[in-house]
Structure formats: C-alpha cells, structure tokens
Amino acid sequence: MTKETIAIIDLGTNTFHLMIAEVDERDDYVIKGKYKEPVKLGEGGLSAGKITDEAYKRGIEALKMFRTIIDTSGIVRVLAFATSAIRSSSNGLAFIEDAKKEANIPIKTINGNEEASIIFEGVRNGVQLPFEERALVMDIGGGSVEFIVAHEGRAEFLRSVNIGGARLLDKIKPSNPITSKELGELYSLLDNELSGLIKELKEFDLSVLVGSSGTFESIATLTAYFRKDKVAAMNINGYRFERKDFDISYNKLLPSTRQERMKIDSMDGTRVEMIVLGVCLVNYVIQELNLSQIMVSTHALKEGILHRYMRDKKMRLTKFIGPADRNLRVKAVQALAIKFQYGQEHALKVSELASMIFDFLEPYHHFGAVEKELLQYAAILHDIGKFVQVSGHHKHSQYIVANSNLSGFNTTELLVLSNIVRYHRRATPKIEHQPYAILLPKDKKLVQILAGILRIADNLDRGHRNYVTGLKVMVSPEKIQILVQALSNVDMEIKFALENSDLLEEVMARKVEIRQEI
C-alpha cells in the first residue's frame, strides 16, 4: 500500500507549528511528529502593521529549523499556511519570499474566512460536534479569532475578526495582575469590535461553545486541573464542561499574577502572558450569547489542512477520469484498480503528467476527448499486474484488463486499453505480439502514441517520489522538448524517461529532449 509523508506548517502570530503526518490510500493517517516554536511574530508590530526585525528573524530561523527536520524525515510535500500576522503586515510578502529563499519553504497566505473554513474542517474531524443543535466553534489565535456556526456537519456561518491574543496584549498592555481599569478597557474594546457579530450570532439560538487551539486547550486543562480530573487533563480533546466550571477557572485566573500562573502545574509556559486576556474574551462571548456548555477540540488549522489535503487527493481521481456515480467506465476502472491494490498516488501522478503531454501534442496527433480518456484509464491501471508479480507486471496488467469485462467498454476499446497498459514499459509494439497484431491500423497508431506518452509520464515518476509538479512541451519539425517543473532534483526521472522515449520518437518522427526547469 502506497504511503506518503507530508509536512504541515501553521505560521501563527504567536507560534509556528510543524506537524508531520503519514497518509495512506484509505484516508488513514498517523501523526509522526509535532514541533512548535514560540516565534511571537506579532510582538511589537501588530499595531504598526509590520513584523519587527527581531520577530522577522525569529520566524525565518524557526522555518530553517523546520526545514532541517523535514529534510531528515524524507518529506517532499510541504503545506505551509500563513495567517493573520503575515497577511496583515506590510512586510508579510517579503517574509514569504525570504522563507522560500532561505528555508526553501513555499508559503500560502489565506484570508480570514478561508482560515475559519479550514479550522472547521479540523474540528469536525477531531470531535463529535452536536448534530441537530447549532454550535459555535471559536478559535482564538494570536492575530485573529475565527467564529463558525456548525449545524448538521456543515458550517452555516464563517467570520474572522482581528482581536487575537497578541493584538489584545498589544492594545491593553495589562499590568501584573490586570487592573480593574484595564479590565474595563478590555471589555469596552471587545464591545466595539464584537457587538455587531454578537447580534448576528444571537439569531442562531446557540447554547454550545466548541473552542479550539491553544487558549481553549489551556482553559480546558486548567478546568480539569481545578476539578481534580487528572484523566481528562492528560488528553483534553473532546473534553466537556459546564459554564459554572468555566467560571471557576475565570475567577481564579483573573486576579492572578504572571508568577502565580507559572506555578500552576498544568499551565503551558507559552500561554502565561495571554491567558488572562484569552479567558476574558471567552467569558465575554459566553455571557453575551448565554452559552451553557463548553467543549474543546485540540484539532484546528493543522488538522484541517491535513483533512483538506486527503479530500483533495481523493478528488484528483474524479478530476482526471470523471465522477464514478455518473460514468459507468469510471466506476468500472476504479473498482478494478482498487481490487488489484493499485498505488493511487503514483497512478494519479502518471495520469496527470500523461494528460499534460497529450494536450500539448494534440495539434500533432489530432486525437480528442475519447482517446485522452483511454490514456487516463491506462495510467490508472498500468501497474495493477504487480498484484500478480512485479516481474513482467506489464504483461499481467494487459491480461487482467483484457479479461476484466470492464462495464462500458466495447471489445475494441478493451483491446486498445490493454495494449496501452502492456506497452508502458519494456518492449515496444511488434507485429508478432498477437494482441497488438489483430488491431486495425488506426488503432495500432493510437496504441503507439498513447503508450509512447504513458512511458514518459510513468518514468517521470519512476521512483514514485511525486517530485514532478508540471511540465511544458514545445514541438518543432525536428524535436519534442519537454520542460519539467519539480519540487526537487529529478535527474533520475529524466534519465529513465529519455531511455523510454523511443516509442514516442518513432511514432511522432521527432527526437525527444527532456530537461528540468531551473
């Protein structure tokens, strides 16, 4: 079974998180490691709308450290997302460019509503949300707070507001402990920023608050600690408590000094500074909406990114060969591929690359959508013969396809498909090969061209490393030039692709050249 190890990076305003996950074709995953660096990217600069030089440097150094971990873990795919501090800073784009240049980590900046949507994906896959009654999902970050109304497994309402813990700290600058005056200023600020939102949320008749991320994790752990619930304190994902239990934590934290909070066994050291402001924010929302129950999810943005990635990966099969519920052929091909335990990631990558080459060469081969569909099916099925035996698996694949009675294919189409699969490696089509010899001349040429494309596409993912991300093809009367875009060095893949370009060269009467785009 094909497994893929990916790295997910959440560039938060307070903390950068790295999560390493191993994903398989059944949508099962194992978290292999979690790392975090308290970079405090928003420290001293959120009000000015700029990341300070010190915070900027801390952020780049953290990403360099993450890159070292990624490189030693054999990871190729990195999914890095920037949130409030970077998207709202005047030098956020420069930070992203330096992260790519100095740490080789490409970063995608997401807007507030997209962040809320991804957080909801993580929460709903991490805890059992109430189904029939509506729940308010709330995620407190350093730069922003996301509000989501969940109902029957869907997000009915998404909103992101720039009142995260670091922003509140920057504006209030509380004493140690916070004074009554500062507390009044804080609640006035929350009124100004949230009154309109609260009015909208009251329309939903909410009673349950589901909190995610660090502030809620700290509140839940403290609540379990104060309740002497040691088992719950060890793993607070899905932990539930009543408003009166929250009130106990709130009343204990509010007058506490920083030094007193440091002495609490369950207190996360990185939350000591902001926890009072965070608990006040939660208290404000609970009181304004009259919420009676609180549940905590340790799954948030990172996990949401993971589940989105797995969902999108599954949808790639539909993207390349169509939806199974509407297409009899797709359903049959999927069923056969799964039956013989195909490697989905490799098969989809080959299908993607083969489709690109087909499209670029369309003015020269003159085939259309029907033929492209056969090529995509062949890419999905080309390795299923490995289920029988790795050695000679191309012949086993041909036999399985030819004798599969795939629904939706006529006899000629099955024969053509099985030949394309056969010639994805080793020998090229020859007249002494009986399954090929019985084809009509036009179908022989179709097999030659599609198998020629498939041979190159397959070898561009020769090590199943999934390095190649795209390609361009330029055609002249003398040659076909393929320019490969990749995440890392693909000299090996290019070498094998060139060694297997003979069939396409012969049928297209052009020399094939392949090189990596620098």
Protein backbone atom coordinates (compact mmCIF):
# COMPACT_ATOMS: atom_id res chain seq x y z
CA MET A 1 0.00 0.00 0.00
CA THR A 2 1.34 3.42 -1.00
CA LYS A 3 2.05 5.78 1.87
CA GLU A 4 3.01 9.43 1.73
CA THR A 5 4.64 11.51 4.43
CA ILE A 6 3.76 15.20 4.39
CA ALA A 7 4.73 18.22 6.46
CA ILE A 8 2.14 20.80 7.51
CA ILE A 9 3.24 24.18 8.81
CA ASP A 10 0.92 26.65 10.54
CA LEU A 11 2.58 30.06 10.72
CA GLY A 12 0.62 31.53 13.60
CA THR A 13 1.00 35.00 15.05
CA ASN A 14 2.41 33.61 18.33
CA THR A 15 3.68 30.16 17.43
CA PHE A 16 4.89 28.34 14.32
CA HIS A 17 3.75 24.71 14.29
CA LEU A 18 5.12 21.81 12.26
CA MET A 19 3.13 18.57 12.03
CA ILE A 20 4.41 15.51 10.16
CA ALA A 21 1.78 13.01 9.03
CA GLU A 22 1.89 9.73 7.15
CA VAL A 23 -1.13 9.27 4.88
CA ASP A 24 -2.23 6.13 3.04
CA GLU A 25 -4.71 5.45 0.24
CA ARG A 26 -7.54 4.52 2.62
CA ASP A 27 -7.51 8.02 4.15
CA ASP A 28 -5.92 6.66 7.30
CA TYR A 29 -3.15 8.77 8.79
CA VAL A 30 -0.59 8.63 11.57
CA ILE A 31 0.92 11.74 13.16
CA LYS A 32 4.65 11.07 13.16
CA GLY A 33 5.72 14.22 14.95
CA LYS A 34 4.72 17.67 16.18
CA TYR A 35 7.05 20.61 16.74
CA LYS A 36 6.46 24.22 17.71
CA GLU A 37 8.46 27.40 18.03
CA PRO A 38 7.11 30.41 20.01
CA VAL A 39 8.32 32.99 17.48
CA LYS A 40 5.92 35.76 18.65
CA LEU A 41 5.78 37.12 15.13
CA GLY A 42 3.30 39.82 16.10
CA GLU A 43 5.27 41.09 19.11
CA GLY A 44 5.69 44.86 18.99
CA GLY A 45 4.47 45.22 15.44
CA LEU A 46 0.78 44.35 15.09
CA SER A 47 -0.47 47.86 15.79
CA ALA A 48 2.02 49.31 13.31
CA GLY A 49 1.09 46.70 10.71
CA LYS A 50 4.65 45.45 10.34
CA ILE A 51 6.67 42.47 11.57
CA THR A 52 9.56 43.84 13.64
CA ASP A 53 13.14 42.99 12.64
CA GLU A 54 13.59 40.77 15.72
CA ALA A 55 10.36 38.85 15.14
CA TYR A 56 11.15 38.57 11.42
CA LYS A 57 14.49 36.96 12.21
CA ARG A 58 12.94 34.58 14.76
CA GLY A 59 10.39 33.48 12.17
CA ILE A 60 12.96 32.74 9.45
CA GLU A 61 15.20 30.88 11.92
CA ALA A 62 12.23 28.75 13.02
CA LEU A 63 11.48 27.85 9.40
CA LYS A 64 15.13 26.93 8.82
CA MET A 65 14.91 24.57 11.79
CA PHE A 66 11.68 23.09 10.40
CA ARG A 67 13.42 22.59 7.04
CA THR A 68 16.18 20.60 8.75
CA ILE A 69 13.57 18.35 10.38
CA ILE A 70 11.73 17.96 7.06
CA ASP A 71 14.92 17.05 5.17
CA THR A 72 15.93 14.43 7.71
CA SER A 73 12.43 12.91 7.64
CA GLY A 74 12.43 12.17 3.91
CA ILE A 75 9.49 14.51 3.24
CA VAL A 76 8.87 16.05 -0.17
CA ARG A 77 5.44 17.65 0.13
CA VAL A 78 5.25 20.67 2.41
CA LEU A 79 1.98 22.53 3.03
CA ALA A 80 2.68 25.85 4.76
CA PHE A 81 -0.04 28.40 5.54
CA ALA A 82 0.32 31.97 6.78
CA THR A 83 -2.43 33.59 8.83
CA SER A 84 -3.22 36.92 10.47
CA ALA A 85 0.18 38.43 11.31
CA ILE A 86 1.69 37.81 7.89
CA ARG A 87 -1.40 38.62 5.83
CA SER A 88 -1.90 41.96 7.61
CA SER A 89 1.74 43.11 7.73
CA SER A 90 3.28 45.46 5.20
CA ASN A 91 6.40 43.24 5.06
CA GLY A 92 4.45 39.95 5.03
CA LEU A 93 5.17 39.36 1.33
CA ALA A 94 8.89 39.95 1.91
CA PHE A 95 8.78 37.39 4.75
CA ILE A 96 7.19 34.82 2.42
CA GLU A 97 9.86 35.46 -0.23
CA ASP A 98 12.66 35.12 2.33
CA ALA A 99 11.12 31.92 3.71
CA LYS A 100 11.29 30.40 0.21
CA LYS A 101 14.81 31.71 -0.42
CA GLU A 102 16.39 30.90 2.95
CA ALA A 103 14.41 27.86 4.15
CA ASN A 104 13.04 26.56 0.83
CA ILE A 105 9.52 26.59 2.26
CA PRO A 106 6.78 27.90 -0.07
CA ILE A 107 4.01 29.58 1.92
CA LYS A 108 0.38 30.19 1.01
CA THR A 109 -1.36 33.13 2.68
CA ILE A 110 -5.03 32.50 3.48
CA ASN A 111 -7.71 35.07 4.25
CA GLY A 112 -9.77 35.08 7.43
CA ASN A 113 -12.81 33.23 6.11
CA GLU A 114 -10.64 30.59 4.47
CA GLU A 115 -8.81 30.15 7.77
CA ALA A 116 -12.16 29.71 9.54
CA SER A 117 -13.26 27.14 6.96
CA ILE A 118 -10.06 25.09 7.35
CA ILE A 119 -10.29 25.26 11.15
CA PHE A 120 -13.85 23.93 10.93
CA GLU A 121 -12.57 21.05 8.77
CA GLY A 122 -10.08 20.18 11.51
CA VAL A 123 -12.58 20.50 14.36
CA ARG A 124 -15.33 18.44 12.74
CA ASN A 125 -12.85 15.65 12.05
CA GLY A 126 -11.48 15.80 15.59
CA VAL A 127 -14.51 15.89 17.89
CA GLN A 128 -18.13 14.83 17.67
CA LEU A 129 -19.98 18.08 17.14
CA PRO A 130 -23.64 18.36 18.14
CA PHE A 131 -25.64 17.42 15.04
CA GLU A 132 -29.19 18.67 15.43
CA GLU A 133 -28.47 21.74 17.59
CA ARG A 134 -26.24 24.53 16.38
CA ALA A 135 -22.84 25.02 18.00
CA LEU A 136 -20.47 27.97 17.93
CA VAL A 137 -16.92 26.96 17.03
CA MET A 138 -14.42 29.57 18.20
CA ASP A 139 -10.67 29.57 17.57
CA ILE A 140 -8.51 32.14 19.36
CA GLY A 141 -5.24 32.82 17.60
CA GLY A 142 -2.64 35.45 18.24
CA GLY A 143 -3.80 37.75 15.47
CA SER A 144 -7.41 36.82 14.79
CA VAL A 145 -10.36 34.95 16.24
CA GLU A 146 -12.48 32.74 13.99
CA PHE A 147 -16.19 32.20 14.61
CA ILE A 148 -18.06 29.35 12.90
CA VAL A 149 -21.67 28.26 13.38
CA ALA A 150 -21.86 24.49 12.85
CA HIS A 151 -25.08 22.61 12.12
CA GLU A 152 -25.61 19.07 10.81
CA GLY A 153 -21.95 18.71 9.90
CA ARG A 154 -21.80 21.94 7.89
CA ALA A 155 -20.53 25.46 8.51
CA GLU A 156 -23.50 27.85 8.26
CA PHE A 157 -21.57 30.96 9.23
CA LEU A 158 -17.89 31.95 8.99
CA ARG A 159 -16.28 35.07 10.35
CA SER A 160 -12.74 36.16 11.24
CA VAL A 161 -12.10 39.17 13.49
CA ASN A 162 -8.71 40.73 14.25
CA ILE A 163 -8.89 40.54 18.04
CA GLY A 164 -6.47 37.69 18.74
CA GLY A 165 -4.48 37.38 21.95
CA ALA A 166 -1.38 39.17 20.67
CA ARG A 167 -3.45 42.10 19.36
CA LEU A 168 -5.28 42.41 22.69
CA LEU A 169 -1.96 42.29 24.53
CA ASP A 170 -0.56 44.98 22.25
CA LYS A 171 -3.56 47.28 22.80
CA ILE A 172 -4.27 46.75 26.51
CA LYS A 173 -0.73 46.16 27.80
CA PRO A 174 -2.09 44.76 31.08
CA SER A 175 -0.35 45.20 34.42
CA ASN A 176 0.69 42.26 36.57
CA PRO A 177 -2.01 41.43 37.62
CA ILE A 178 -4.51 43.14 35.34
CA THR A 179 -6.20 46.16 36.97
CA SER A 180 -9.91 46.96 37.12
CA LYS A 181 -9.35 49.90 34.80
CA GLU A 182 -7.56 47.73 32.24
CA LEU A 183 -10.31 45.14 32.53
CA GLY A 184 -12.89 47.82 31.78
CA GLU A 185 -10.85 48.96 28.76
CA LEU A 186 -10.64 45.36 27.55
CA TYR A 187 -14.39 44.75 27.74
CA SER A 188 -15.08 48.12 26.07
CA LEU A 189 -12.72 47.11 23.26
CA LEU A 190 -14.50 43.77 22.89
CA ASP A 191 -17.84 45.58 22.77
CA ASN A 192 -16.61 47.85 20.00
CA GLU A 193 -15.13 45.01 17.95
CA LEU A 194 -17.72 42.29 18.51
CA SER A 195 -21.13 43.86 19.15
CA GLY A 196 -22.22 43.57 15.51
CA LEU A 197 -21.04 39.98 15.31
CA ILE A 198 -22.77 39.07 18.58
CA LYS A 199 -26.02 40.46 17.20
CA GLU A 200 -25.70 38.18 14.15
CA LEU A 201 -24.82 35.14 16.28
CA LYS A 202 -27.87 35.63 18.51
CA GLU A 203 -30.04 34.79 15.50
CA PHE A 204 -28.80 31.17 15.66
CA ASP A 205 -30.04 30.26 19.17
CA LEU A 206 -26.71 28.83 20.35
CA SER A 207 -26.04 27.01 23.61
CA VAL A 208 -22.79 25.07 22.98
CA LEU A 209 -19.35 26.60 22.55
CA VAL A 210 -16.66 24.46 20.90
CA GLY A 211 -13.24 26.03 21.43
CA SER A 212 -10.09 25.12 19.51
CA SER A 213 -6.38 25.97 19.67
CA GLY A 214 -4.06 26.93 22.50
CA THR A 215 -6.15 29.30 24.61
CA PHE A 216 -9.04 26.84 24.88
CA GLU A 217 -6.66 23.95 25.46
CA SER A 218 -5.15 25.86 28.38
CA ILE A 219 -8.58 26.76 29.78
CA ALA A 220 -9.74 23.15 29.49
CA THR A 221 -6.58 21.78 31.10
CA LEU A 222 -6.86 24.28 33.96
CA THR A 223 -10.54 23.45 34.41
CA ALA A 224 -9.75 19.72 34.58
CA TYR A 225 -6.91 20.53 36.99
CA PHE A 226 -9.17 22.60 39.26
CA ARG A 227 -11.80 19.82 39.12
CA LYS A 228 -9.08 17.28 40.01
CA ASP A 229 -9.96 15.41 36.81
CA LYS A 230 -6.46 14.06 36.14
CA VAL A 231 -7.51 11.63 33.40
CA ALA A 232 -9.16 14.39 31.34
CA ALA A 233 -6.20 16.70 31.90
CA MET A 234 -3.95 14.18 30.12
CA ASN A 235 -5.96 14.40 26.88
CA ILE A 236 -8.49 17.20 26.69
CA ASN A 237 -9.65 16.64 23.09
CA GLY A 238 -13.44 16.41 23.28
CA TYR A 239 -13.43 17.46 26.95
CA ARG A 240 -16.80 18.95 28.03
CA PHE A 241 -17.60 21.15 30.99
CA GLU A 242 -20.36 23.45 32.18
CA ARG A 243 -20.38 27.21 32.34
CA LYS A 244 -20.07 27.08 36.15
CA ASP A 245 -16.81 25.11 35.75
CA PHE A 246 -15.51 27.74 33.36
CA ASP A 247 -16.47 30.44 35.87
CA ILE A 248 -14.21 28.81 38.47
CA SER A 249 -11.23 28.93 36.09
CA TYR A 250 -12.06 32.51 35.09
CA ASN A 251 -12.30 33.71 38.69
CA LYS A 252 -9.00 32.03 39.61
CA LEU A 253 -7.08 33.35 36.60
CA LEU A 254 -8.40 36.91 36.56
CA PRO A 255 -6.60 38.20 39.72
CA SER A 256 -3.51 36.02 39.26
CA THR A 257 -0.03 37.37 38.63
CA ARG A 258 2.28 36.05 35.97
CA GLN A 259 4.42 34.38 38.63
CA GLU A 260 1.39 32.66 40.16
CA ARG A 261 0.29 31.34 36.79
CA MET A 262 3.77 29.99 36.15
CA LYS A 263 3.45 27.85 39.28
CA ILE A 264 0.26 26.11 38.09
CA ASP A 265 1.30 22.56 37.11
CA SER A 266 -0.89 22.39 34.02
CA MET A 267 -0.08 25.87 32.70
CA ASP A 268 1.57 25.99 29.26
CA GLY A 269 4.52 28.37 29.65
CA THR A 270 3.88 29.95 26.25
CA ARG A 271 0.33 30.92 27.33
CA VAL A 272 1.16 32.59 30.64
CA GLU A 273 1.18 36.11 29.20
CA MET A 274 -2.03 35.94 27.17
CA ILE A 275 -4.22 33.52 29.10
CA VAL A 276 -5.96 36.23 31.18
CA LEU A 277 -6.92 38.22 28.09
CA GLY A 278 -7.98 34.98 26.38
CA VAL A 279 -10.18 33.86 29.25
CA CYS A 280 -11.80 37.32 29.34
CA LEU A 281 -12.58 37.07 25.63
CA VAL A 282 -14.18 33.66 26.14
CA ASN A 283 -16.13 34.97 29.13
CA TYR A 284 -17.41 37.89 27.06
CA VAL A 285 -18.71 35.59 24.32
CA ILE A 286 -20.26 33.14 26.82
CA GLN A 287 -22.09 35.91 28.64
CA GLU A 288 -23.28 37.76 25.55
CA LEU A 289 -24.66 34.59 23.93
CA ASN A 290 -25.72 32.91 27.18
CA LEU A 291 -23.84 29.71 26.33
CA SER A 292 -24.17 26.89 28.86
CA GLN A 293 -21.75 24.20 27.69
CA ILE A 294 -18.14 24.23 26.52
CA MET A 295 -16.32 21.55 24.56
CA VAL A 296 -12.68 21.65 23.49
CA SER A 297 -11.02 20.45 20.29
CA THR A 298 -7.27 20.05 20.02
CA HIS A 299 -7.79 19.75 16.26
CA ALA A 300 -7.74 23.04 14.40
CA LEU A 301 -5.92 24.58 11.43
CA LYS A 302 -3.11 22.00 11.02
CA GLU A 303 -5.53 19.10 11.14
CA GLY A 304 -7.91 20.94 8.83
CA ILE A 305 -5.12 21.31 6.28
CA LEU A 306 -4.43 17.57 6.57
CA HIS A 307 -8.06 16.59 6.02
CA ARG A 308 -8.40 19.05 3.13
CA TYR A 309 -5.32 17.52 1.55
CA MET A 310 -6.69 13.98 1.89
CA ARG A 311 -10.06 15.09 0.48
CA ASP A 312 -8.42 16.86 -2.46
CA LYS A 313 -6.22 13.84 -3.08
CA LYS A 314 -9.29 11.64 -3.34
CA MET A 315 -10.95 14.15 -5.66
CA ARG A 316 -7.98 14.06 -8.02
CA LEU A 317 -9.19 10.72 -9.40
CA THR A 318 -12.54 12.32 -10.21
CA LYS A 319 -10.75 15.30 -11.75
CA PHE A 320 -8.77 13.17 -14.16
CA ILE A 321 -11.26 10.48 -15.15
CA GLY A 322 -14.65 11.82 -14.01
CA PRO A 323 -17.19 11.06 -11.27
CA ALA A 324 -17.87 7.36 -10.72
CA ASP A 325 -21.55 7.87 -9.90
CA ARG A 326 -22.23 9.37 -13.35
CA ASN A 327 -19.85 7.37 -15.54
CA LEU A 328 -20.05 3.60 -15.89
CA ARG A 329 -16.50 3.39 -17.25
CA VAL A 330 -15.04 5.37 -14.35
CA LYS A 331 -16.83 3.18 -11.85
CA ALA A 332 -15.52 0.03 -13.54
CA VAL A 333 -11.92 1.32 -13.77
CA GLN A 334 -11.93 2.45 -10.13
CA ALA A 335 -13.28 -0.90 -8.96
CA LEU A 336 -10.64 -2.83 -10.94
CA ALA A 337 -7.81 -0.60 -9.71
CA ILE A 338 -8.88 -0.99 -6.08
CA LYS A 339 -9.38 -4.75 -6.48
CA PHE A 340 -5.78 -5.18 -7.56
CA GLN A 341 -4.43 -2.72 -4.94
CA TYR A 342 -3.08 -0.07 -7.29
CA GLY A 343 -0.80 2.68 -5.99
CA GLN A 344 -3.19 5.62 -6.15
CA GLU A 345 -0.69 8.44 -5.67
CA HIS A 346 1.61 7.19 -8.42
CA ALA A 347 -1.27 6.33 -10.75
CA LEU A 348 -2.78 9.79 -10.40
CA LYS A 349 0.56 11.50 -10.93
CA VAL A 350 1.13 9.47 -14.11
CA SER A 351 -2.41 10.27 -15.28
CA GLU A 352 -1.82 13.96 -14.63
CA LEU A 353 1.51 14.07 -16.49
CA ALA A 354 0.26 11.93 -19.38
CA SER A 355 -2.77 14.21 -19.79
CA MET A 356 -0.48 17.27 -19.96
CA ILE A 357 1.71 15.71 -22.66
CA PHE A 358 -1.39 14.60 -24.60
CA ASP A 359 -2.81 18.13 -24.55
CA PHE A 360 0.44 19.74 -25.71
CA LEU A 361 0.77 17.24 -28.57
CA GLU A 362 -2.90 17.44 -29.64
CA PRO A 363 -2.18 19.61 -32.74
CA TYR A 364 0.15 16.85 -33.98
CA HIS A 365 -1.69 13.63 -33.09
CA HIS A 366 -5.22 15.02 -33.69
CA PHE A 367 -6.90 12.79 -31.11
CA GLY A 368 -9.65 14.11 -28.85
CA ALA A 369 -11.51 13.57 -25.58
CA VAL A 370 -12.33 9.87 -26.15
CA GLU A 371 -8.68 8.95 -26.74
CA LYS A 372 -7.49 11.09 -23.84
CA GLU A 373 -9.95 9.22 -21.61
CA LEU A 374 -8.40 5.88 -22.69
CA LEU A 375 -4.94 7.24 -21.83
CA GLN A 376 -6.13 8.28 -18.37
CA TYR A 377 -7.68 4.86 -17.74
CA ALA A 378 -4.43 3.20 -18.85
CA ALA A 379 -2.46 5.42 -16.44
CA ILE A 380 -4.70 4.34 -13.56
CA LEU A 381 -4.40 0.63 -14.44
CA HIS A 382 -0.86 0.32 -15.79
CA ASP A 383 0.67 -1.21 -12.63
CA ILE A 384 -2.15 -3.48 -11.42
CA GLY A 385 -0.24 -6.52 -12.68
CA LYS A 386 2.12 -6.07 -9.73
CA PHE A 387 -0.61 -7.74 -7.68
CA VAL A 388 0.28 -10.97 -9.55
CA GLN A 389 4.04 -10.44 -9.80
CA VAL A 390 6.31 -7.42 -10.05
CA SER A 391 8.48 -9.06 -12.69
CA GLY A 392 6.72 -8.78 -16.03
CA HIS A 393 3.86 -6.88 -14.43
CA HIS A 394 3.10 -5.03 -17.69
CA LYS A 395 2.03 -8.33 -19.26
CA HIS A 396 -0.02 -9.25 -16.20
CA SER A 397 -1.68 -5.84 -16.34
CA GLN A 398 -2.54 -6.40 -20.00
CA TYR A 399 -4.07 -9.80 -19.27
CA ILE A 400 -6.15 -8.50 -16.34
CA VAL A 401 -7.54 -5.57 -18.34
CA ALA A 402 -8.24 -7.65 -21.47
CA ASN A 403 -10.14 -10.25 -19.47
CA SER A 404 -11.87 -7.94 -16.99
CA ASN A 405 -15.12 -7.36 -18.92
CA LEU A 406 -15.00 -3.74 -17.80
CA SER A 407 -18.50 -2.28 -17.97
CA GLY A 408 -18.96 0.49 -20.53
CA PHE A 409 -16.16 -0.64 -22.89
CA ASN A 410 -16.70 -2.43 -26.17
CA THR A 411 -14.36 -5.22 -27.31
CA THR A 412 -12.14 -2.97 -29.43
CA GLU A 413 -11.78 -0.38 -26.67
CA LEU A 414 -10.78 -3.05 -24.14
CA LEU A 415 -8.23 -4.44 -26.59
CA VAL A 416 -6.76 -0.98 -27.21
CA LEU A 417 -6.72 -0.20 -23.47
CA SER A 418 -5.00 -3.46 -22.59
CA ASN A 419 -2.32 -2.83 -25.25
CA ILE A 420 -1.63 0.69 -23.98
CA VAL A 421 -1.18 -0.77 -20.50
CA ARG A 422 1.11 -3.54 -21.86
CA TYR A 423 3.48 -1.15 -23.62
CA HIS A 424 4.02 1.27 -20.75
CA ARG A 425 7.40 -0.44 -20.23
CA ARG A 426 9.92 -2.77 -21.78
CA ALA A 427 9.26 -3.89 -25.41
CA THR A 428 7.57 -1.56 -27.87
CA PRO A 429 4.63 -2.81 -30.00
CA LYS A 430 5.59 -5.51 -32.51
CA ILE A 431 3.61 -7.34 -35.16
CA GLU A 432 4.50 -10.70 -33.60
CA HIS A 433 2.62 -9.68 -30.44
CA GLN A 434 -0.76 -11.23 -31.20
CA PRO A 435 -2.99 -8.90 -29.10
CA TYR A 436 -1.41 -5.96 -30.94
CA ALA A 437 -1.31 -7.62 -34.37
CA ILE A 438 -5.09 -8.08 -34.54
CA LEU A 439 -5.75 -4.35 -34.19
CA LEU A 440 -6.78 -2.22 -37.16
CA PRO A 441 -4.04 0.13 -38.47
CA LYS A 442 -5.72 3.23 -36.95
CA ASP A 443 -5.91 1.50 -33.56
CA LYS A 444 -2.28 0.37 -33.82
CA LYS A 445 -1.25 4.01 -34.26
CA LEU A 446 -3.46 5.03 -31.31
CA VAL A 447 -1.74 2.43 -29.10
CA GLN A 448 1.71 3.61 -30.24
CA ILE A 449 1.04 7.27 -29.47
CA LEU A 450 -0.77 6.77 -26.16
CA ALA A 451 1.67 4.12 -24.94
CA GLY A 452 4.55 6.39 -26.01
CA ILE A 453 3.12 9.21 -23.87
CA LEU A 454 2.44 6.82 -20.98
CA ARG A 455 6.03 5.51 -20.99
CA ILE A 456 7.42 9.02 -20.50
CA ALA A 457 4.82 10.03 -17.90
CA ASP A 458 5.39 6.83 -15.91
CA ASN A 459 9.16 7.35 -15.82
CA LEU A 460 8.82 10.99 -14.79
CA ASP A 461 7.51 9.49 -11.55
CA ARG A 462 9.86 6.49 -11.72
CA GLY A 463 10.70 6.43 -8.02
CA HIS A 464 7.10 7.19 -7.01
CA ARG A 465 8.55 10.28 -5.35
CA ASN A 466 5.89 12.65 -6.70
CA TYR A 467 8.52 15.32 -7.34
CA VAL A 468 7.29 16.49 -10.76
CA THR A 469 4.61 19.16 -10.42
CA GLY A 470 4.11 20.20 -14.02
CA LEU A 471 5.60 20.37 -17.47
CA LYS A 472 5.64 22.29 -20.73
CA VAL A 473 6.04 20.78 -24.19
CA MET A 474 7.44 22.61 -27.22
CA VAL A 475 7.26 20.93 -30.63
CA SER A 476 9.28 21.69 -33.76
CA PRO A 477 9.60 19.70 -37.01
CA GLU A 478 12.71 18.00 -35.62
CA LYS A 479 12.07 17.52 -31.91
CA ILE A 480 9.76 17.46 -28.91
CA GLN A 481 11.17 19.39 -25.94
CA ILE A 482 9.71 18.63 -22.51
CA LEU A 483 10.49 21.13 -19.77
CA VAL A 484 9.89 19.60 -16.33
CA GLN A 485 8.88 21.57 -13.22
CA ALA A 486 9.69 19.79 -9.97
CA LEU A 487 9.95 20.19 -6.20
CA SER A 488 13.49 18.83 -6.16
CA ASN A 489 16.15 17.39 -8.44
CA VAL A 490 14.67 14.87 -10.91
CA ASP A 491 17.77 13.82 -12.86
CA MET A 492 16.90 10.16 -12.19
CA GLU A 493 13.36 10.51 -13.51
CA ILE A 494 14.53 12.40 -16.60
CA LYS A 495 17.20 9.76 -17.33
CA PHE A 496 14.65 6.93 -17.30
CA ALA A 497 12.08 8.97 -19.25
CA LEU A 498 14.63 9.61 -22.00
CA GLU A 499 15.57 5.93 -22.08
CA ASN A 500 11.89 5.12 -22.64
CA SER A 501 11.12 7.85 -25.19
CA ASP A 502 11.91 5.66 -28.21
CA LEU A 503 8.27 4.73 -28.94
CA LEU A 504 7.05 8.35 -28.95
CA GLU A 505 10.07 9.38 -31.04
CA GLU A 506 9.28 6.72 -33.61
CA VAL A 507 5.56 7.40 -33.98
CA MET A 508 5.92 11.21 -33.90
CA ALA A 509 9.08 11.18 -36.08
CA ARG A 510 10.80 13.63 -33.76
CA LYS A 511 13.65 13.47 -31.26
CA VAL A 512 12.53 13.80 -27.61
CA GLU A 513 14.52 16.06 -25.29
CA ILE A 514 13.70 16.41 -21.58
CA ARG A 515 15.25 18.79 -19.06
CA GLN A 516 14.34 20.31 -15.71
CA GLU A 517 13.29 23.94 -15.48
CA ILE A 518 15.79 25.82 -13.33
